[in-house]
Every structure is written in structure tokens, then in C-alpha cells.
Amino acid sequence: MAQFDVYANPSSRQRDGIPYLVVMQSDLLDHLPTRLVMPLVVERFNAASLPSRLIPSFRIGGQTLHLWPQQTATILSRMLGEPVASLKGDQSRLLDALDAVVSGI
């Protein structure tokens, strides 16, 4: 599992609002049974009213989704299946959003 790979949300109950999860965990920790992930959410709020550093948007599967870094969590890696996309090219935006949660905006 590569860092910044995107996976379909394995939770059928949450999938409508959170269709994808992006792996934030370093590849150096692949031996662990869990992955640190951030949700990519469907806009059900006014994203423009939030700091773009905190809530960057991405196009995946033909839809615009917003990173929701304050909901970062772990999930068992065996639940993730196969990646559907990669956001490796956007790693600075992903890490900046996580930093905004940890360090402040």
C-alpha cells in the first residue's frame, strides 16, 4: 500500500458522504496491520467558507471531493482492497492539510 493511494470507502453506511479514503501513513510502516487515512468527502457544506489549506479539493472518479483532515483515523489495511487512484502528485497539499490540523492554520 503506497502512501497517498486512494481507496473506496469499505463502509457501505458512510460511502455516500465519504466515497474515498487516502492513505497518509508512510510506506516505512507497511508492516503494521493498520493504515492512517483521511476521508475525501462529498461537499455537504460550504467548502469555500473554510480555509483552502485545511480543506483542499480533488477530482476522483469524476467528482470533486474535499479532504476532511480533522477526521483522520486508522483502518485495518486488509479492509481497503485495491487502490482506485493516487494523489502522490498532491502530497504537499495533503501534508499541508494534516499540518493545519496539528499545528493550527
C-alpha atoms as a PDB file:
ATOM      1  CA  MET A   1       0.000   0.000   0.000  1.00  0.00           C
ATOM      2  CA  ALA A   2       1.582   3.203  -1.143  1.00  0.00           C
ATOM      3  CA  GLN A   3       1.321   6.453   0.732  1.00  0.00           C
ATOM      4  CA  PHE A   4      -1.205   8.805  -0.922  1.00  0.00           C
ATOM      5  CA  ASP A   5      -3.088   5.971  -2.657  1.00  0.00           C
ATOM      6  CA  VAL A   6      -6.866   6.406  -2.716  1.00  0.00           C
ATOM      7  CA  TYR A   7      -9.261   3.581  -1.835  1.00  0.00           C
ATOM      8  CA  ALA A   8     -13.016   3.178  -1.993  1.00  0.00           C
ATOM      9  CA  ASN A   9     -14.525   3.531   1.465  1.00  0.00           C
ATOM     10  CA  PRO A  10     -15.222  -0.023   2.700  1.00  0.00           C
ATOM     11  CA  SER A  11     -18.114   1.207   4.883  1.00  0.00           C
ATOM     12  CA  SER A  12     -21.328   0.950   2.886  1.00  0.00           C
ATOM     13  CA  ARG A  13     -23.092   3.103   5.519  1.00  0.00           C
ATOM     14  CA  GLN A  14     -20.672   6.014   5.019  1.00  0.00           C
ATOM     15  CA  ARG A  15     -19.862   5.644   1.322  1.00  0.00           C
ATOM     16  CA  ASP A  16     -22.427   8.191   0.057  1.00  0.00           C
ATOM     17  CA  GLY A  17     -20.850  11.018   2.036  1.00  0.00           C
ATOM     18  CA  ILE A  18     -17.306   9.672   2.194  1.00  0.00           C
ATOM     19  CA  PRO A  19     -16.700   7.737  -1.012  1.00  0.00           C
ATOM     20  CA  TYR A  20     -12.907   7.505  -0.701  1.00  0.00           C
ATOM     21  CA  LEU A  21     -10.056   7.356   1.809  1.00  0.00           C
ATOM     22  CA  VAL A  22      -6.481   8.455   1.128  1.00  0.00           C
ATOM     23  CA  VAL A  23      -3.605   6.672   2.880  1.00  0.00           C
ATOM     24  CA  MET A  24      -1.378   9.124   4.726  1.00  0.00           C
ATOM     25  CA  GLN A  25       0.833   6.611   6.507  1.00  0.00           C
ATOM     26  CA  SER A  26       4.458   6.298   5.428  1.00  0.00           C
ATOM     27  CA  ASP A  27       5.418   3.253   3.375  1.00  0.00           C
ATOM     28  CA  LEU A  28       8.079   2.594   6.044  1.00  0.00           C
ATOM     29  CA  LEU A  29       5.258   1.343   8.298  1.00  0.00           C
ATOM     30  CA  ASP A  30       3.811  -1.179   5.822  1.00  0.00           C
ATOM     31  CA  HIS A  31       4.412  -3.993   8.311  1.00  0.00           C
ATOM     32  CA  LEU A  32       1.711  -2.602  10.613  1.00  0.00           C
ATOM     33  CA  PRO A  33      -1.827  -4.024  10.273  1.00  0.00           C
ATOM     34  CA  THR A  34      -3.443  -0.565  10.122  1.00  0.00           C
ATOM     35  CA  ARG A  35      -3.227   2.496   7.880  1.00  0.00           C
ATOM     36  CA  LEU A  36      -3.666   6.152   8.789  1.00  0.00           C
ATOM     37  CA  VAL A  37      -6.259   7.519   6.365  1.00  0.00           C
ATOM     38  CA  MET A  38      -8.013  10.804   5.664  1.00  0.00           C
ATOM     39  CA  PRO A  39     -11.514  10.874   4.212  1.00  0.00           C
ATOM     40  CA  LEU A  40     -12.413  12.504   0.928  1.00  0.00           C
ATOM     41  CA  VAL A  41     -15.949  13.817   1.324  1.00  0.00           C
ATOM     42  CA  VAL A  42     -18.773  14.962  -0.906  1.00  0.00           C
ATOM     43  CA  GLU A  43     -19.442  18.653  -0.336  1.00  0.00           C
ATOM     44  CA  ARG A  44     -22.321  18.963   2.091  1.00  0.00           C
ATOM     45  CA  PHE A  45     -21.068  22.224   3.495  1.00  0.00           C
ATOM     46  CA  ASN A  46     -19.765  25.467   2.076  1.00  0.00           C
ATOM     47  CA  ALA A  47     -16.164  24.463   1.351  1.00  0.00           C
ATOM     48  CA  ALA A  48     -15.428  27.965   0.075  1.00  0.00           C
ATOM     49  CA  SER A  49     -16.039  29.293   3.601  1.00  0.00           C
ATOM     50  CA  LEU A  50     -13.264  27.098   5.013  1.00  0.00           C
ATOM     51  CA  PRO A  51      -9.504  27.668   4.611  1.00  0.00           C
ATOM     52  CA  SER A  52      -8.340  26.009   1.376  1.00  0.00           C
ATOM     53  CA  ARG A  53      -5.192  24.873   3.190  1.00  0.00           C
ATOM     54  CA  LEU A  54      -7.361  22.824   5.552  1.00  0.00           C
ATOM     55  CA  ILE A  55      -9.934  21.573   3.032  1.00  0.00           C
ATOM     56  CA  PRO A  56      -8.263  21.091  -0.377  1.00  0.00           C
ATOM     57  CA  SER A  57     -10.362  19.619  -3.158  1.00  0.00           C
ATOM     58  CA  PHE A  58      -9.520  16.814  -5.584  1.00  0.00           C
ATOM     59  CA  ARG A  59     -11.173  15.200  -8.615  1.00  0.00           C
ATOM     60  CA  ILE A  60     -11.613  11.458  -8.231  1.00  0.00           C
ATOM     61  CA  GLY A  61     -13.959   9.177 -10.104  1.00  0.00           C
ATOM     62  CA  GLY A  62     -15.430  12.131 -11.983  1.00  0.00           C
ATOM     63  CA  GLN A  63     -16.466  14.044  -8.875  1.00  0.00           C
ATOM     64  CA  THR A  64     -14.984  16.855  -6.829  1.00  0.00           C
ATOM     65  CA  LEU A  65     -14.232  15.756  -3.289  1.00  0.00           C
ATOM     66  CA  HIS A  66     -12.834  17.588  -0.297  1.00  0.00           C
ATOM     67  CA  LEU A  67     -10.220  16.333   2.101  1.00  0.00           C
ATOM     68  CA  TRP A  68     -11.503  16.243   5.669  1.00  0.00           C
ATOM     69  CA  PRO A  69      -8.226  16.009   7.635  1.00  0.00           C
ATOM     70  CA  GLN A  70      -9.720  16.601  11.072  1.00  0.00           C
ATOM     71  CA  GLN A  71     -11.380  13.177  10.656  1.00  0.00           C
ATOM     72  CA  THR A  72      -8.062  11.356  10.156  1.00  0.00           C
ATOM     73  CA  ALA A  73      -8.275   7.845  11.590  1.00  0.00           C
ATOM     74  CA  THR A  74      -6.833   4.367  11.323  1.00  0.00           C
ATOM     75  CA  ILE A  75      -8.348   1.439   9.486  1.00  0.00           C
ATOM     76  CA  LEU A  76      -7.274  -2.172   9.125  1.00  0.00           C
ATOM     77  CA  SER A  77      -5.285  -2.361   5.908  1.00  0.00           C
ATOM     78  CA  ARG A  78      -6.998  -5.608   4.887  1.00  0.00           C
ATOM     79  CA  MET A  79     -10.286  -3.673   4.609  1.00  0.00           C
ATOM     80  CA  LEU A  80      -9.050  -1.330   1.876  1.00  0.00           C
ATOM     81  CA  GLY A  81      -8.912  -3.559  -1.185  1.00  0.00           C
ATOM     82  CA  GLU A  82      -7.255  -2.205  -4.335  1.00  0.00           C
ATOM     83  CA  PRO A  83      -6.343   1.459  -4.894  1.00  0.00           C
ATOM     84  CA  VAL A  84      -8.532   3.407  -7.322  1.00  0.00           C
ATOM     85  CA  ALA A  85      -6.247   6.434  -7.716  1.00  0.00           C
ATOM     86  CA  SER A  86      -3.127   8.086  -6.374  1.00  0.00           C
ATOM     87  CA  LEU A  87      -2.682  11.608  -5.045  1.00  0.00           C
ATOM     88  CA  LYS A  88       1.109  11.335  -4.845  1.00  0.00           C
ATOM     89  CA  GLY A  89       1.420  14.376  -7.100  1.00  0.00           C
ATOM     90  CA  ASP A  90      -0.552  16.329  -4.500  1.00  0.00           C
ATOM     91  CA  GLN A  91       1.414  15.154  -1.478  1.00  0.00           C
ATOM     92  CA  SER A  92       2.370  18.680  -0.422  1.00  0.00           C
ATOM     93  CA  ARG A  93      -1.311  19.712  -0.284  1.00  0.00           C
ATOM     94  CA  LEU A  94      -2.220  16.566   1.660  1.00  0.00           C
ATOM     95  CA  LEU A  95       0.577  17.006   4.183  1.00  0.00           C
ATOM     96  CA  ASP A  96      -0.169  20.714   4.490  1.00  0.00           C
ATOM     97  CA  ALA A  97      -3.787  19.930   5.380  1.00  0.00           C
ATOM     98  CA  LEU A  98      -2.702  17.464   8.041  1.00  0.00           C
ATOM     99  CA  ASP A  99      -0.228  20.028   9.364  1.00  0.00           C
ATOM    100  CA  ALA A 100      -3.029  22.600   9.554  1.00  0.00           C
ATOM    101  CA  VAL A 101      -4.926  20.276  11.890  1.00  0.00           C
ATOM    102  CA  VAL A 102      -1.930  19.513  14.078  1.00  0.00           C
ATOM    103  CA  SER A 103      -0.161  22.886  14.097  1.00  0.00           C
ATOM    104  CA  GLY A 104      -3.008  25.311  13.510  1.00  0.00           C
ATOM    105  CA  ILE A 105      -3.998  27.298  10.486  1.00  0.00           C
END
